[in-house]
Amino acid sequence: MAKSPPAPPVVTESFESAMSELESIVQGMEGGKLTLEQSLAAYQRGADLLRFCQETLAAAEQKVQVLEAGVLKDLPRSGASSAN
């Protein structure tokens, strides 16, 4: 039996479109109307989309941490400065 070629990289416009496609894949698979071949292809695409989403979220989290570094400081307690 010949090996399948590796899956192409996830091509998507955005995180939101990847999530939407992933939800659609899950619904299709839960419907139980896919053939085995279609199920395997859907599973692979879903795994690729999931990886893309996780990487996108990790990158966003890292950016937030960089932005927060040195920017977020403790706020003065309310009432402490208005005691006059």
PDB file of N, CA and C in Angstrom:
ATOM      1  N   MET A   1       0.841  -1.168   0.000  1.00  0.00           N
ATOM      2  CA  MET A   1       0.000   0.000   0.000  1.00  0.00           C
ATOM      3  C   MET A   1       0.891   1.238   0.000  1.00  0.00           C
ATOM      4  N   ALA A   2       0.600   2.212  -0.884  1.00  0.00           N
ATOM      5  CA  ALA A   2       1.401   3.424  -1.002  1.00  0.00           C
ATOM      6  C   ALA A   2       1.080   4.381   0.136  1.00  0.00           C
ATOM      7  N   LYS A   3       2.109   5.099   0.569  1.00  0.00           N
ATOM      8  CA  LYS A   3       1.914   6.089   1.624  1.00  0.00           C
ATOM      9  C   LYS A   3       1.269   7.335   1.045  1.00  0.00           C
ATOM     10  N   SER A   4       0.442   7.974   1.855  1.00  0.00           N
ATOM     11  CA  SER A   4      -0.164   9.236   1.448  1.00  0.00           C
ATOM     12  C   SER A   4       0.881  10.331   1.553  1.00  0.00           C
ATOM     13  N   PRO A   5       0.806  11.322   0.664  1.00  0.00           N
ATOM     14  CA  PRO A   5       1.741  12.444   0.790  1.00  0.00           C
ATOM     15  C   PRO A   5       1.425  13.236   2.044  1.00  0.00           C
ATOM     16  N   PRO A   6       2.416  13.948   2.576  1.00  0.00           N
ATOM     17  CA  PRO A   6       2.156  14.727   3.790  1.00  0.00           C
ATOM     18  C   PRO A   6       1.079  15.773   3.529  1.00  0.00           C
ATOM     19  N   ALA A   7       0.330  16.088   4.571  1.00  0.00           N
ATOM     20  CA  ALA A   7      -0.746  17.073   4.453  1.00  0.00           C
ATOM     21  C   ALA A   7      -0.153  18.446   4.179  1.00  0.00           C
ATOM     22  N   PRO A   8      -0.812  19.220   3.315  1.00  0.00           N
ATOM     23  CA  PRO A   8      -0.327  20.574   3.064  1.00  0.00           C
ATOM     24  C   PRO A   8      -0.497  21.426   4.312  1.00  0.00           C
ATOM     25  N   PRO A   9       0.282  22.498   4.429  1.00  0.00           N
ATOM     26  CA  PRO A   9       0.136  23.352   5.604  1.00  0.00           C
ATOM     27  C   PRO A   9      -1.253  23.985   5.627  1.00  0.00           C
ATOM     28  N   VAL A  10      -1.676  24.353   6.804  1.00  0.00           N
ATOM     29  CA  VAL A  10      -2.990  24.969   6.954  1.00  0.00           C
ATOM     30  C   VAL A  10      -2.960  26.328   6.286  1.00  0.00           C
ATOM     31  N   VAL A  11      -3.859  26.510   5.346  1.00  0.00           N
ATOM     32  CA  VAL A  11      -4.005  27.802   4.693  1.00  0.00           C
ATOM     33  C   VAL A  11      -5.349  28.357   5.136  1.00  0.00           C
ATOM     34  N   THR A  12      -5.301  29.431   5.881  1.00  0.00           N
ATOM     35  CA  THR A  12      -6.513  30.048   6.388  1.00  0.00           C
ATOM     36  C   THR A  12      -6.273  31.537   6.529  1.00  0.00           C
ATOM     37  N   GLU A  13      -7.328  32.288   6.475  1.00  0.00           N
ATOM     38  CA  GLU A  13      -7.210  33.735   6.553  1.00  0.00           C
ATOM     39  C   GLU A  13      -6.954  34.218   7.977  1.00  0.00           C
ATOM     40  N   SER A  14      -7.530  33.521   8.938  1.00  0.00           N
ATOM     41  CA  SER A  14      -7.432  34.008  10.303  1.00  0.00           C
ATOM     42  C   SER A  14      -7.723  32.897  11.303  1.00  0.00           C
ATOM     43  N   PHE A  15      -7.486  33.220  12.554  1.00  0.00           N
ATOM     44  CA  PHE A  15      -7.816  32.317  13.651  1.00  0.00           C
ATOM     45  C   PHE A  15      -9.304  32.007  13.627  1.00  0.00           C
ATOM     46  N   GLU A  16     -10.101  33.040  13.414  1.00  0.00           N
ATOM     47  CA  GLU A  16     -11.551  32.877  13.423  1.00  0.00           C
ATOM     48  C   GLU A  16     -12.025  31.953  12.309  1.00  0.00           C
ATOM     49  N   SER A  17     -11.443  32.086  11.120  1.00  0.00           N
ATOM     50  CA  SER A  17     -11.854  31.207  10.025  1.00  0.00           C
ATOM     51  C   SER A  17     -11.407  29.771  10.283  1.00  0.00           C
ATOM     52  N   ALA A  18     -10.248  29.605  10.916  1.00  0.00           N
ATOM     53  CA  ALA A  18      -9.785  28.261  11.265  1.00  0.00           C
ATOM     54  C   ALA A  18     -10.724  27.627  12.284  1.00  0.00           C
ATOM     55  N   MET A  19     -11.153  28.406  13.280  1.00  0.00           N
ATOM     56  CA  MET A  19     -12.079  27.883  14.284  1.00  0.00           C
ATOM     57  C   MET A  19     -13.413  27.517  13.649  1.00  0.00           C
ATOM     58  N   SER A  20     -13.874  28.340  12.742  1.00  0.00           N
ATOM     59  CA  SER A  20     -15.142  28.072  12.070  1.00  0.00           C
ATOM     60  C   SER A  20     -15.063  26.780  11.261  1.00  0.00           C
ATOM     61  N   GLU A  21     -13.964  26.619  10.534  1.00  0.00           N
ATOM     62  CA  GLU A  21     -13.793  25.393   9.752  1.00  0.00           C
ATOM     63  C   GLU A  21     -13.682  24.181  10.665  1.00  0.00           C
ATOM     64  N   LEU A  22     -12.980  24.332  11.769  1.00  0.00           N
ATOM     65  CA  LEU A  22     -12.835  23.230  12.722  1.00  0.00           C
ATOM     66  C   LEU A  22     -14.193  22.826  13.289  1.00  0.00           C
ATOM     67  N   GLU A  23     -15.017  23.801  13.630  1.00  0.00           N
ATOM     68  CA  GLU A  23     -16.366  23.502  14.132  1.00  0.00           C
ATOM     69  C   GLU A  23     -17.183  22.757  13.076  1.00  0.00           C
ATOM     70  N   SER A  24     -17.043  23.178  11.831  1.00  0.00           N
ATOM     71  CA  SER A  24     -17.762  22.526  10.736  1.00  0.00           C
ATOM     72  C   SER A  24     -17.308  21.071  10.564  1.00  0.00           C
ATOM     73  N   ILE A  25     -16.011  20.847  10.689  1.00  0.00           N
ATOM     74  CA  ILE A  25     -15.471  19.493  10.576  1.00  0.00           C
ATOM     75  C   ILE A  25     -16.019  18.608  11.694  1.00  0.00           C
ATOM     76  N   VAL A  26     -16.022  19.138  12.908  1.00  0.00           N
ATOM     77  CA  VAL A  26     -16.523  18.373  14.049  1.00  0.00           C
ATOM     78  C   VAL A  26     -17.995  18.007  13.837  1.00  0.00           C
ATOM     79  N   GLN A  27     -18.790  18.970  13.388  1.00  0.00           N
ATOM     80  CA  GLN A  27     -20.207  18.699  13.137  1.00  0.00           C
ATOM     81  C   GLN A  27     -20.375  17.622  12.068  1.00  0.00           C
ATOM     82  N   GLY A  28     -19.564  17.698  11.006  1.00  0.00           N
ATOM     83  CA  GLY A  28     -19.635  16.701   9.944  1.00  0.00           C
ATOM     84  C   GLY A  28     -19.274  15.316  10.439  1.00  0.00           C
ATOM     85  N   MET A  29     -18.255  15.239  11.271  1.00  0.00           N
ATOM     86  CA  MET A  29     -17.834  13.948  11.795  1.00  0.00           C
ATOM     87  C   MET A  29     -18.861  13.400  12.786  1.00  0.00           C
ATOM     88  N   GLU A  30     -19.451  14.281  13.588  1.00  0.00           N
ATOM     89  CA  GLU A  30     -20.454  13.832  14.547  1.00  0.00           C
ATOM     90  C   GLU A  30     -21.727  13.362  13.850  1.00  0.00           C
ATOM     91  N   GLY A  31     -21.957  13.856  12.638  1.00  0.00           N
ATOM     92  CA  GLY A  31     -23.138  13.460  11.885  1.00  0.00           C
ATOM     93  C   GLY A  31     -23.109  12.007  11.464  1.00  0.00           C
ATOM     94  N   GLY A  32     -21.920  11.429  11.416  1.00  0.00           N
ATOM     95  CA  GLY A  32     -21.784  10.011  11.105  1.00  0.00           C
ATOM     96  C   GLY A  32     -22.068   9.640   9.662  1.00  0.00           C
ATOM     97  N   LYS A  33     -22.054  10.603   8.763  1.00  0.00           N
ATOM     98  CA  LYS A  33     -22.371  10.313   7.369  1.00  0.00           C
ATOM     99  C   LYS A  33     -21.139  10.288   6.472  1.00  0.00           C
ATOM    100  N   LEU A  34     -19.966  10.404   7.057  1.00  0.00           N
ATOM    101  CA  LEU A  34     -18.733  10.390   6.271  1.00  0.00           C
ATOM    102  C   LEU A  34     -18.235   8.959   6.090  1.00  0.00           C
ATOM    103  N   THR A  35     -17.616   8.720   4.945  1.00  0.00           N
ATOM    104  CA  THR A  35     -16.972   7.433   4.736  1.00  0.00           C
ATOM    105  C   THR A  35     -15.703   7.390   5.579  1.00  0.00           C
ATOM    106  N   LEU A  36     -15.098   6.233   5.654  1.00  0.00           N
ATOM    107  CA  LEU A  36     -13.855   6.104   6.409  1.00  0.00           C
ATOM    108  C   LEU A  36     -12.788   7.033   5.848  1.00  0.00           C
ATOM    109  N   GLU A  37     -12.649   7.063   4.532  1.00  0.00           N
ATOM    110  CA  GLU A  37     -11.656   7.942   3.890  1.00  0.00           C
ATOM    111  C   GLU A  37     -11.934   9.406   4.223  1.00  0.00           C
ATOM    112  N   GLN A  38     -13.201   9.802   4.127  1.00  0.00           N
ATOM    113  CA  GLN A  38     -13.579  11.181   4.429  1.00  0.00           C
ATOM    114  C   GLN A  38     -13.329  11.499   5.901  1.00  0.00           C
ATOM    115  N   SER A  39     -13.610  10.555   6.761  1.00  0.00           N
ATOM    116  CA  SER A  39     -13.378  10.748   8.197  1.00  0.00           C
ATOM    117  C   SER A  39     -11.900  10.933   8.495  1.00  0.00           C
ATOM    118  N   LEU A  40     -11.067  10.133   7.876  1.00  0.00           N
ATOM    119  CA  LEU A  40      -9.620  10.261   8.088  1.00  0.00           C
ATOM    120  C   LEU A  40      -9.104  11.601   7.582  1.00  0.00           C
ATOM    121  N   ALA A  41      -9.578  12.012   6.399  1.00  0.00           N
ATOM    122  CA  ALA A  41      -9.164  13.304   5.847  1.00  0.00           C
ATOM    123  C   ALA A  41      -9.648  14.449   6.742  1.00  0.00           C
ATOM    124  N   ALA A  42     -10.892  14.339   7.220  1.00  0.00           N
ATOM    125  CA  ALA A  42     -11.443  15.370   8.097  1.00  0.00           C
ATOM    126  C   ALA A  42     -10.665  15.421   9.411  1.00  0.00           C
ATOM    127  N   TYR A  43     -10.319  14.268   9.940  1.00  0.00           N
ATOM    128  CA  TYR A  43      -9.553  14.209  11.187  1.00  0.00           C
ATOM    129  C   TYR A  43      -8.192  14.881  11.003  1.00  0.00           C
ATOM    130  N   GLN A  44      -7.528  14.587   9.896  1.00  0.00           N
ATOM    131  CA  GLN A  44      -6.214  15.182   9.623  1.00  0.00           C
ATOM    132  C   GLN A  44      -6.319  16.691   9.492  1.00  0.00           C
ATOM    133  N   ARG A  45      -7.318  17.149   8.735  1.00  0.00           N
ATOM    134  CA  ARG A  45      -7.511  18.591   8.559  1.00  0.00           C
ATOM    135  C   ARG A  45      -7.830  19.234   9.906  1.00  0.00           C
ATOM    136  N   GLY A  46      -8.661  18.584  10.699  1.00  0.00           N
ATOM    137  CA  GLY A  46      -8.991  19.103  12.019  1.00  0.00           C
ATOM    138  C   GLY A  46      -7.773  19.199  12.916  1.00  0.00           C
ATOM    139  N   ALA A  47      -6.915  18.184  12.861  1.00  0.00           N
ATOM    140  CA  ALA A  47      -5.690  18.202  13.665  1.00  0.00           C
ATOM    141  C   ALA A  47      -4.778  19.347  13.228  1.00  0.00           C
ATOM    142  N   ASP A  48      -4.696  19.573  11.912  1.00  0.00           N
ATOM    143  CA  ASP A  48      -3.877  20.672  11.401  1.00  0.00           C
ATOM    144  C   ASP A  48      -4.445  22.026  11.836  1.00  0.00           C
ATOM    145  N   LEU A  49      -5.762  22.161  11.745  1.00  0.00           N
ATOM    146  CA  LEU A  49      -6.402  23.406  12.165  1.00  0.00           C
ATOM    147  C   LEU A  49      -6.226  23.639  13.657  1.00  0.00           C
ATOM    148  N   LEU A  50      -6.359  22.577  14.447  1.00  0.00           N
ATOM    149  CA  LEU A  50      -6.176  22.688  15.885  1.00  0.00           C
ATOM    150  C   LEU A  50      -4.762  23.159  16.209  1.00  0.00           C
ATOM    151  N   ARG A  51      -3.789  22.572  15.545  1.00  0.00           N
ATOM    152  CA  ARG A  51      -2.390  22.972  15.756  1.00  0.00           C
ATOM    153  C   ARG A  51      -2.204  24.454  15.400  1.00  0.00           C
ATOM    154  N   PHE A  52      -2.768  24.880  14.261  1.00  0.00           N
ATOM    155  CA  PHE A  52      -2.688  26.278  13.851  1.00  0.00           C
ATOM    156  C   PHE A  52      -3.296  27.188  14.917  1.00  0.00           C
ATOM    157  N   CYS A  53      -4.468  26.827  15.419  1.00  0.00           N
ATOM    158  CA  CYS A  53      -5.142  27.639  16.432  1.00  0.00           C
ATOM    159  C   CYS A  53      -4.332  27.705  17.724  1.00  0.00           C
ATOM    160  N   GLN A  54      -3.787  26.572  18.151  1.00  0.00           N
ATOM    161  CA  GLN A  54      -2.979  26.551  19.369  1.00  0.00           C
ATOM    162  C   GLN A  54      -1.734  27.417  19.216  1.00  0.00           C
ATOM    163  N   GLU A  55      -1.084  27.336  18.062  1.00  0.00           N
ATOM    164  CA  GLU A  55       0.113  28.148  17.817  1.00  0.00           C
ATOM    165  C   GLU A  55      -0.235  29.628  17.761  1.00  0.00           C
ATOM    166  N   THR A  56      -1.373  29.948  17.146  1.00  0.00           N
ATOM    167  CA  THR A  56      -1.812  31.339  17.069  1.00  0.00           C
ATOM    168  C   THR A  56      -2.116  31.889  18.451  1.00  0.00           C
ATOM    169  N   LEU A  57      -2.798  31.102  19.277  1.00  0.00           N
ATOM    170  CA  LEU A  57      -3.101  31.529  20.643  1.00  0.00           C
ATOM    171  C   LEU A  57      -1.832  31.683  21.476  1.00  0.00           C
ATOM    172  N   ALA A  58      -0.885  30.772  21.313  1.00  0.00           N
ATOM    173  CA  ALA A  58       0.373  30.859  22.063  1.00  0.00           C
ATOM    174  C   ALA A  58       1.137  32.127  21.675  1.00  0.00           C
ATOM    175  N   ALA A  59       1.149  32.447  20.381  1.00  0.00           N
ATOM    176  CA  ALA A  59       1.823  33.658  19.918  1.00  0.00           C
ATOM    177  C   ALA A  59       1.134  34.903  20.471  1.00  0.00           C
ATOM    178  N   ALA A  60      -0.197  34.892  20.495  1.00  0.00           N
ATOM    179  CA  ALA A  60      -0.940  36.032  21.031  1.00  0.00           C
ATOM    180  C   ALA A  60      -0.673  36.190  22.522  1.00  0.00           C
ATOM    181  N   GLU A  61      -0.636  35.071  23.234  1.00  0.00           N
ATOM    182  CA  GLU A  61      -0.359  35.120  24.668  1.00  0.00           C
ATOM    183  C   GLU A  61       1.036  35.682  24.932  1.00  0.00           C
ATOM    184  N   GLN A  62       1.989  35.281  24.119  1.00  0.00           N
ATOM    185  CA  GLN A  62       3.354  35.777  24.280  1.00  0.00           C
ATOM    186  C   GLN A  62       3.404  37.284  24.020  1.00  0.00           C
ATOM    187  N   LYS A  63       2.682  37.754  23.018  1.00  0.00           N
ATOM    188  CA  LYS A  63       2.646  39.193  22.727  1.00  0.00           C
ATOM    189  C   LYS A  63       2.030  39.963  23.889  1.00  0.00           C
ATOM    190  N   VAL A  64       0.969  39.422  24.477  1.00  0.00           N
ATOM    191  CA  VAL A  64       0.324  40.077  25.607  1.00  0.00           C
ATOM    192  C   VAL A  64       1.297  40.162  26.776  1.00  0.00           C
ATOM    193  N   GLN A  65       2.032  39.093  27.029  1.00  0.00           N
ATOM    194  CA  GLN A  65       2.993  39.103  28.127  1.00  0.00           C
ATOM    195  C   GLN A  65       4.078  40.152  27.893  1.00  0.00           C
ATOM    196  N   VAL A  66       4.536  40.295  26.652  1.00  0.00           N
ATOM    197  CA  VAL A  66       5.540  41.310  26.329  1.00  0.00           C
ATOM    198  C   VAL A  66       4.957  42.700  26.552  1.00  0.00           C
ATOM    199  N   LEU A  67       3.712  42.898  26.109  1.00  0.00           N
ATOM    200  CA  LEU A  67       3.076  44.204  26.282  1.00  0.00           C
ATOM    201  C   LEU A  67       2.850  44.525  27.755  1.00  0.00           C
ATOM    202  N   GLU A  68       2.538  43.518  28.550  1.00  0.00           N
ATOM    203  CA  GLU A  68       2.273  43.733  29.968  1.00  0.00           C
ATOM    204  C   GLU A  68       3.550  44.003  30.759  1.00  0.00           C
ATOM    205  N   ALA A  69       4.664  43.515  30.288  1.00  0.00           N
ATOM    206  CA  ALA A  69       5.929  43.651  31.021  1.00  0.00           C
ATOM    207  C   ALA A  69       6.251  45.130  31.226  1.00  0.00           C
ATOM    208  N   GLY A  70       6.251  45.540  32.455  1.00  0.00           N
ATOM    209  CA  GLY A  70       6.604  46.911  32.780  1.00  0.00           C
ATOM    210  C   GLY A  70       5.486  47.909  32.544  1.00  0.00           C
ATOM    211  N   VAL A  71       4.394  47.500  31.947  1.00  0.00           N
ATOM    212  CA  VAL A  71       3.295  48.429  31.680  1.00  0.00           C
ATOM    213  C   VAL A  71       2.263  48.361  32.786  1.00  0.00           C
ATOM    214  N   LEU A  72       1.928  47.165  33.201  1.00  0.00           N
ATOM    215  CA  LEU A  72       0.928  47.015  34.247  1.00  0.00           C
ATOM    216  C   LEU A  72       1.580  47.208  35.613  1.00  0.00           C
ATOM    217  N   LYS A  73       1.049  48.125  36.340  1.00  0.00           N
ATOM    218  CA  LYS A  73       1.568  48.408  37.675  1.00  0.00           C
ATOM    219  C   LYS A  73       0.384  48.418  38.640  1.00  0.00           C
ATOM    220  N   ASP A  74       0.675  48.244  39.902  1.00  0.00           N
ATOM    221  CA  ASP A  74      -0.372  48.302  40.902  1.00  0.00           C
ATOM    222  C   ASP A  74      -1.005  49.687  40.899  1.00  0.00           C
ATOM    223  N   LEU A  75      -2.302  49.735  40.932  1.00  0.00           N
ATOM    224  CA  LEU A  75      -3.017  51.001  40.996  1.00  0.00           C
ATOM    225  C   LEU A  75      -3.099  51.443  42.444  1.00  0.00           C
ATOM    226  N   PRO A  76      -3.079  52.759  42.672  1.00  0.00           N
ATOM    227  CA  PRO A  76      -3.227  53.205  44.071  1.00  0.00           C
ATOM    228  C   PRO A  76      -4.600  52.815  44.581  1.00  0.00           C
ATOM    229  N   ARG A  77      -4.669  52.527  45.847  1.00  0.00           N
ATOM    230  CA  ARG A  77      -5.945  52.145  46.451  1.00  0.00           C
ATOM    231  C   ARG A  77      -6.898  53.341  46.426  1.00  0.00           C
ATOM    232  N   SER A  78      -8.120  53.071  46.098  1.00  0.00           N
ATOM    233  CA  SER A  78      -9.111  54.144  46.091  1.00  0.00           C
ATOM    234  C   SER A  78      -9.325  54.654  47.507  1.00  0.00           C
ATOM    235  N   GLY A  79      -9.396  55.959  47.643  1.00  0.00           N
ATOM    236  CA  GLY A  79      -9.567  56.547  48.975  1.00  0.00           C
ATOM    237  C   GLY A  79      -8.250  56.985  49.581  1.00  0.00           C
ATOM    238  N   ALA A  80      -7.128  56.358  49.206  1.00  0.00           N
ATOM    239  CA  ALA A  80      -5.839  56.702  49.781  1.00  0.00           C
ATOM    240  C   ALA A  80      -5.398  58.095  49.331  1.00  0.00           C
ATOM    241  N   SER A  81      -5.676  58.444  48.063  1.00  0.00           N
ATOM    242  CA  SER A  81      -5.253  59.730  47.562  1.00  0.00           C
ATOM    243  C   SER A  81      -6.347  60.795  47.707  1.00  0.00           C
ATOM    244  N   SER A  82      -7.542  60.397  48.067  1.00  0.00           N
ATOM    245  CA  SER A  82      -8.644  61.351  48.186  1.00  0.00           C
ATOM    246  C   SER A  82      -9.013  61.599  49.653  1.00  0.00           C
ATOM    247  N   ALA A  83      -8.047  61.457  50.532  1.00  0.00           N
ATOM    248  CA  ALA A  83      -8.295  61.617  51.967  1.00  0.00           C
ATOM    249  C   ALA A  83      -8.327  63.100  52.353  1.00  0.00           C
ATOM    250  N   ASN A  84      -8.093  64.028  51.456  1.00  0.00           N
ATOM    251  CA  ASN A  84      -8.102  65.464  51.771  1.00  0.00           C
ATOM    252  C   ASN A  84      -9.437  65.921  52.105  1.00  0.00           C
TER     253      ASN A  84
END
